[in-house]
């Protein structure tokens, strides 16, 4: 396996270019983030998105959505008590329709019997007008502002727009000769 390439972005030195790319993506969509902000039980998450309900984000170099499921145990055993998101090396297109950011995990009181994982789908909240994500199988709420009313506040972001934003983030973090 290739070693990660440390990358500077926004005054932070990231352990990998992929982590820096996700930070740039979060900036492009207006999501506040902290890099490696806490130590959990034997685990340091890559990011916490500092929404009203914090969202842990783990970045993995997965090229296929199905490979994200391999990384749930570490989060489940960490003691984290909020939602979690696992993202990969790109915006996924599982069904040729909606863009999936990754795999969204919900904890016990929201998902009966422990953690439950489902696709995280990009959307614009038509109530607060922010770029957000929702769980395709569980809690259909705006993670950015907390808006909730079934699924009526959602306008799915088209796949091409999500890919353009992610490619723009990659451009912001690409290697440049000094």
C-alpha atoms as a PDB file:
ATOM      1  CA  UNK A   1       0.000   0.000   0.000  1.00  0.00           C
ATOM      2  CA  UNK A   2       1.263   3.481  -0.825  1.00  0.00           C
ATOM      3  CA  UNK A   3       2.114   5.845   1.992  1.00  0.00           C
ATOM      4  CA  UNK A   4      -0.096   8.872   2.486  1.00  0.00           C
ATOM      5  CA  UNK A   5       1.286  12.204   1.322  1.00  0.00           C
ATOM      6  CA  UNK A   6       1.203  14.842   4.049  1.00  0.00           C
ATOM      7  CA  UNK A   7      -0.519  17.946   2.727  1.00  0.00           C
ATOM      8  CA  UNK A   8      -0.911  21.488   4.010  1.00  0.00           C
ATOM      9  CA  UNK A   9      -4.282  23.160   3.631  1.00  0.00           C
ATOM     10  CA  UNK A  10      -5.836  26.096   5.528  1.00  0.00           C
ATOM     11  CA  UNK A  11      -2.865  26.289   7.883  1.00  0.00           C
ATOM     12  CA  UNK A  12      -3.181  22.638   8.924  1.00  0.00           C
ATOM     13  CA  UNK A  13      -0.811  19.807   8.067  1.00  0.00           C
ATOM     14  CA  UNK A  14      -2.920  16.774   7.232  1.00  0.00           C
ATOM     15  CA  UNK A  15      -1.600  13.234   7.379  1.00  0.00           C
ATOM     16  CA  UNK A  16      -2.897  12.646   3.844  1.00  0.00           C
ATOM     17  CA  UNK A  17      -3.906  14.554   0.742  1.00  0.00           C
ATOM     18  CA  UNK A  18      -7.309  12.841   0.904  1.00  0.00           C
ATOM     19  CA  UNK A  19      -7.944  14.286   4.373  1.00  0.00           C
ATOM     20  CA  UNK A  20      -6.938  17.736   3.089  1.00  0.00           C
ATOM     21  CA  UNK A  21      -9.294  17.302   0.136  1.00  0.00           C
ATOM     22  CA  UNK A  22     -12.204  16.556   2.458  1.00  0.00           C
ATOM     23  CA  UNK A  23     -11.323  19.622   4.556  1.00  0.00           C
ATOM     24  CA  UNK A  24     -11.403  21.730   1.374  1.00  0.00           C
ATOM     25  CA  UNK A  25     -14.729  20.139   0.426  1.00  0.00           C
ATOM     26  CA  UNK A  26     -16.152  20.969   3.866  1.00  0.00           C
ATOM     27  CA  UNK A  27     -15.019  24.575   3.354  1.00  0.00           C
ATOM     28  CA  UNK A  28     -16.641  24.733  -0.089  1.00  0.00           C
ATOM     29  CA  UNK A  29     -20.001  23.614   1.295  1.00  0.00           C
ATOM     30  CA  UNK A  30     -19.720  25.772   4.421  1.00  0.00           C
ATOM     31  CA  UNK A  31     -19.353  23.049   7.043  1.00  0.00           C
ATOM     32  CA  UNK A  32     -17.248  23.967  10.092  1.00  0.00           C
ATOM     33  CA  UNK A  33     -14.627  21.326  10.850  1.00  0.00           C
ATOM     34  CA  UNK A  34     -11.901  20.503  13.335  1.00  0.00           C
ATOM     35  CA  UNK A  35      -9.056  18.171  12.399  1.00  0.00           C
ATOM     36  CA  UNK A  36      -8.151  15.357  14.841  1.00  0.00           C
ATOM     37  CA  UNK A  37      -9.836  17.275  17.660  1.00  0.00           C
ATOM     38  CA  UNK A  38     -10.240  14.547  20.298  1.00  0.00           C
ATOM     39  CA  UNK A  39      -8.874  11.259  21.560  1.00  0.00           C
ATOM     40  CA  UNK A  40     -11.476   8.553  21.946  1.00  0.00           C
ATOM     41  CA  UNK A  41     -10.978   4.992  23.228  1.00  0.00           C
ATOM     42  CA  UNK A  42      -7.796   4.090  21.312  1.00  0.00           C
ATOM     43  CA  UNK A  43      -8.844   6.158  18.337  1.00  0.00           C
ATOM     44  CA  UNK A  44      -8.445   9.685  16.980  1.00  0.00           C
ATOM     45  CA  UNK A  45     -11.132  10.613  14.435  1.00  0.00           C
ATOM     46  CA  UNK A  46     -10.000  12.540  11.370  1.00  0.00           C
ATOM     47  CA  UNK A  47     -12.617  15.281  11.759  1.00  0.00           C
ATOM     48  CA  UNK A  48     -15.518  16.480  13.787  1.00  0.00           C
ATOM     49  CA  UNK A  49     -17.966  18.683  11.928  1.00  0.00           C
ATOM     50  CA  UNK A  50     -19.068  21.185  14.547  1.00  0.00           C
ATOM     51  CA  UNK A  51     -22.770  21.351  13.760  1.00  0.00           C
ATOM     52  CA  UNK A  52     -25.275  21.802  16.622  1.00  0.00           C
ATOM     53  CA  UNK A  53     -25.011  18.022  16.976  1.00  0.00           C
ATOM     54  CA  UNK A  54     -21.355  17.186  16.240  1.00  0.00           C
ATOM     55  CA  UNK A  55     -20.646  14.708  13.461  1.00  0.00           C
ATOM     56  CA  UNK A  56     -17.504  12.553  13.546  1.00  0.00           C
ATOM     57  CA  UNK A  57     -15.921  11.998  10.120  1.00  0.00           C
ATOM     58  CA  UNK A  58     -13.487   9.222   9.252  1.00  0.00           C
ATOM     59  CA  UNK A  59     -11.674   9.402   5.891  1.00  0.00           C
ATOM     60  CA  UNK A  60     -10.643   6.174   4.150  1.00  0.00           C
ATOM     61  CA  UNK A  61      -9.046   5.694   0.701  1.00  0.00           C
ATOM     62  CA  UNK A  62     -11.964   3.521  -0.427  1.00  0.00           C
ATOM     63  CA  UNK A  63     -12.800   3.589  -4.123  1.00  0.00           C
ATOM     64  CA  UNK A  64     -16.064   1.685  -3.689  1.00  0.00           C
ATOM     65  CA  UNK A  65     -18.967   2.473  -1.398  1.00  0.00           C
ATOM     66  CA  UNK A  66     -19.179  -1.156  -0.203  1.00  0.00           C
ATOM     67  CA  UNK A  67     -15.654  -0.927   1.237  1.00  0.00           C
ATOM     68  CA  UNK A  68     -16.684   1.740   3.757  1.00  0.00           C
ATOM     69  CA  UNK A  69     -18.454  -0.877   5.885  1.00  0.00           C
ATOM     70  CA  UNK A  70     -15.058  -2.356   6.825  1.00  0.00           C
ATOM     71  CA  UNK A  71     -14.353   0.696   8.986  1.00  0.00           C
ATOM     72  CA  UNK A  72     -17.389   0.844  11.270  1.00  0.00           C
ATOM     73  CA  UNK A  73     -16.053  -1.189  14.228  1.00  0.00           C
ATOM     74  CA  UNK A  74     -13.455   1.357  15.286  1.00  0.00           C
ATOM     75  CA  UNK A  75     -16.095   4.070  15.573  1.00  0.00           C
ATOM     76  CA  UNK A  76     -18.606   1.795  17.282  1.00  0.00           C
ATOM     77  CA  UNK A  77     -16.022   0.823  19.927  1.00  0.00           C
ATOM     78  CA  UNK A  78     -14.656   4.357  20.437  1.00  0.00           C
ATOM     79  CA  UNK A  79     -17.201   5.659  22.927  1.00  0.00           C
ATOM     80  CA  UNK A  80     -18.439   8.343  20.503  1.00  0.00           C
ATOM     81  CA  UNK A  81     -22.035   9.251  21.407  1.00  0.00           C
ATOM     82  CA  UNK A  82     -23.173  11.149  18.302  1.00  0.00           C
ATOM     83  CA  UNK A  83     -23.578  10.392  14.614  1.00  0.00           C
ATOM     84  CA  UNK A  84     -20.589   9.394  12.499  1.00  0.00           C
ATOM     85  CA  UNK A  85     -19.745   9.561   8.816  1.00  0.00           C
ATOM     86  CA  UNK A  86     -17.234   7.466   6.882  1.00  0.00           C
ATOM     87  CA  UNK A  87     -16.125   8.948   3.555  1.00  0.00           C
ATOM     88  CA  UNK A  88     -13.942   7.572   0.786  1.00  0.00           C
ATOM     89  CA  UNK A  89     -11.757   8.704  -2.091  1.00  0.00           C
ATOM     90  CA  UNK A  90     -14.634  10.179  -4.083  1.00  0.00           C
ATOM     91  CA  UNK A  91     -18.327  11.005  -4.160  1.00  0.00           C
ATOM     92  CA  UNK A  92     -20.080   7.685  -4.698  1.00  0.00           C
ATOM     93  CA  UNK A  93     -22.743   6.867  -7.246  1.00  0.00           C
ATOM     94  CA  UNK A  94     -24.279   3.640  -5.980  1.00  0.00           C
ATOM     95  CA  UNK A  95     -27.368   3.640  -8.176  1.00  0.00           C
ATOM     96  CA  UNK A  96     -26.660   6.203 -10.880  1.00  0.00           C
ATOM     97  CA  UNK A  97     -28.965   8.717  -9.211  1.00  0.00           C
ATOM     98  CA  UNK A  98     -28.258  10.606  -6.011  1.00  0.00           C
ATOM     99  CA  UNK A  99     -24.699  11.347  -4.921  1.00  0.00           C
ATOM    100  CA  UNK A 100     -23.667   9.625  -1.711  1.00  0.00           C
ATOM    101  CA  UNK A 101     -21.091  11.261   0.479  1.00  0.00           C
ATOM    102  CA  UNK A 102     -20.388   8.105   2.392  1.00  0.00           C
ATOM    103  CA  UNK A 103     -21.759   5.912   5.149  1.00  0.00           C
ATOM    104  CA  UNK A 104     -23.686   7.586   7.990  1.00  0.00           C
ATOM    105  CA  UNK A 105     -23.911   5.901  11.384  1.00  0.00           C
ATOM    106  CA  UNK A 106     -26.564   6.559  14.007  1.00  0.00           C
ATOM    107  CA  UNK A 107     -26.244   5.451  17.618  1.00  0.00           C
ATOM    108  CA  UNK A 108     -28.555   3.436  19.888  1.00  0.00           C
ATOM    109  CA  UNK A 109     -31.339   5.849  20.848  1.00  0.00           C
ATOM    110  CA  UNK A 110     -31.768   6.774  17.183  1.00  0.00           C
ATOM    111  CA  UNK A 111     -31.154   3.291  15.816  1.00  0.00           C
ATOM    112  CA  UNK A 112     -32.548   0.528  18.012  1.00  0.00           C
ATOM    113  CA  UNK A 113     -29.990  -1.987  19.240  1.00  0.00           C
ATOM    114  CA  UNK A 114     -26.704  -0.127  18.746  1.00  0.00           C
ATOM    115  CA  UNK A 115     -25.229   1.475  15.668  1.00  0.00           C
ATOM    116  CA  UNK A 116     -27.056   1.470  12.355  1.00  0.00           C
ATOM    117  CA  UNK A 117     -25.302   2.464   9.105  1.00  0.00           C
ATOM    118  CA  UNK A 118     -26.880   3.777   5.917  1.00  0.00           C
ATOM    119  CA  UNK A 119     -25.873   5.809   2.857  1.00  0.00           C
ATOM    120  CA  UNK A 120     -25.347   9.525   3.520  1.00  0.00           C
ATOM    121  CA  UNK A 121     -27.049  11.430   0.706  1.00  0.00           C
ATOM    122  CA  UNK A 122     -26.173  15.028  -0.237  1.00  0.00           C
ATOM    123  CA  UNK A 123     -29.014  17.507  -0.275  1.00  0.00           C
ATOM    124  CA  UNK A 124     -29.900  21.160   0.012  1.00  0.00           C
ATOM    125  CA  UNK A 125     -32.198  21.923   2.900  1.00  0.00           C
ATOM    126  CA  UNK A 126     -35.045  23.976   1.426  1.00  0.00           C
ATOM    127  CA  UNK A 127     -35.828  25.368   4.865  1.00  0.00           C
ATOM    128  CA  UNK A 128     -32.397  26.692   5.925  1.00  0.00           C
ATOM    129  CA  UNK A 129     -30.909  26.778   2.373  1.00  0.00           C
ATOM    130  CA  UNK A 130     -27.716  25.017   3.431  1.00  0.00           C
ATOM    131  CA  UNK A 131     -25.838  22.143   1.831  1.00  0.00           C
ATOM    132  CA  UNK A 132     -26.356  19.109   4.047  1.00  0.00           C
ATOM    133  CA  UNK A 133     -26.699  15.329   4.132  1.00  0.00           C
ATOM    134  CA  UNK A 134     -29.308  12.901   5.341  1.00  0.00           C
ATOM    135  CA  UNK A 135     -29.499   9.218   6.111  1.00  0.00           C
ATOM    136  CA  UNK A 136     -31.194   7.352   3.278  1.00  0.00           C
ATOM    137  CA  UNK A 137     -32.611   4.773   5.694  1.00  0.00           C
ATOM    138  CA  UNK A 138     -33.082   6.498   9.034  1.00  0.00           C
ATOM    139  CA  UNK A 139     -33.272  10.068  10.334  1.00  0.00           C
ATOM    140  CA  UNK A 140     -34.150  12.354   7.400  1.00  0.00           C
ATOM    141  CA  UNK A 141     -33.043  15.633   8.920  1.00  0.00           C
ATOM    142  CA  UNK A 142     -30.685  18.418   7.973  1.00  0.00           C
ATOM    143  CA  UNK A 143     -27.393  17.719   9.777  1.00  0.00           C
ATOM    144  CA  UNK A 144     -26.215  21.289   9.181  1.00  0.00           C
ATOM    145  CA  UNK A 145     -29.013  23.151  10.977  1.00  0.00           C
ATOM    146  CA  UNK A 146     -31.095  20.408  12.578  1.00  0.00           C
ATOM    147  CA  UNK A 147     -34.230  21.135  10.512  1.00  0.00           C
ATOM    148  CA  UNK A 148     -36.630  18.197  10.495  1.00  0.00           C
ATOM    149  CA  UNK A 149     -40.028  17.567   8.965  1.00  0.00           C
ATOM    150  CA  UNK A 150     -40.057  14.094   7.463  1.00  0.00           C
ATOM    151  CA  UNK A 151     -38.374  14.476   4.099  1.00  0.00           C
ATOM    152  CA  UNK A 152     -40.129  17.617   2.888  1.00  0.00           C
ATOM    153  CA  UNK A 153     -37.099  19.857   3.509  1.00  0.00           C
ATOM    154  CA  UNK A 154     -34.855  17.935   1.142  1.00  0.00           C
ATOM    155  CA  UNK A 155     -33.836  18.750  -2.384  1.00  0.00           C
ATOM    156  CA  UNK A 156     -31.262  16.185  -3.471  1.00  0.00           C
ATOM    157  CA  UNK A 157     -28.067  17.604  -4.955  1.00  0.00           C
ATOM    158  CA  UNK A 158     -27.423  16.176  -8.405  1.00  0.00           C
ATOM    159  CA  UNK A 159     -24.454  13.875  -8.810  1.00  0.00           C
ATOM    160  CA  UNK A 160     -22.623  16.142 -11.237  1.00  0.00           C
ATOM    161  CA  UNK A 161     -22.726  19.119  -8.856  1.00  0.00           C
ATOM    162  CA  UNK A 162     -21.373  16.991  -5.998  1.00  0.00           C
ATOM    163  CA  UNK A 163     -18.564  15.711  -8.234  1.00  0.00           C
ATOM    164  CA  UNK A 164     -17.697  19.253  -9.383  1.00  0.00           C
ATOM    165  CA  UNK A 165     -17.411  20.405  -5.766  1.00  0.00           C
ATOM    166  CA  UNK A 166     -15.246  17.417  -4.828  1.00  0.00           C
ATOM    167  CA  UNK A 167     -13.007  17.951  -7.874  1.00  0.00           C
ATOM    168  CA  UNK A 168     -12.655  21.618  -6.943  1.00  0.00           C
ATOM    169  CA  UNK A 169     -11.571  20.518  -3.447  1.00  0.00           C
ATOM    170  CA  UNK A 170      -9.013  18.162  -5.020  1.00  0.00           C
ATOM    171  CA  UNK A 171      -7.679  21.068  -7.062  1.00  0.00           C
ATOM    172  CA  UNK A 172      -7.222  23.143  -3.916  1.00  0.00           C
ATOM    173  CA  UNK A 173      -5.085  20.424  -2.337  1.00  0.00           C
ATOM    174  CA  UNK A 174      -3.102  19.077  -5.282  1.00  0.00           C
ATOM    175  CA  UNK A 175       0.665  19.025  -5.242  1.00  0.00           C
ATOM    176  CA  UNK A 176       2.386  22.101  -6.595  1.00  0.00           C
ATOM    177  CA  UNK A 177       6.088  22.535  -7.239  1.00  0.00           C
ATOM    178  CA  UNK A 178       7.692  25.111  -4.954  1.00  0.00           C
END
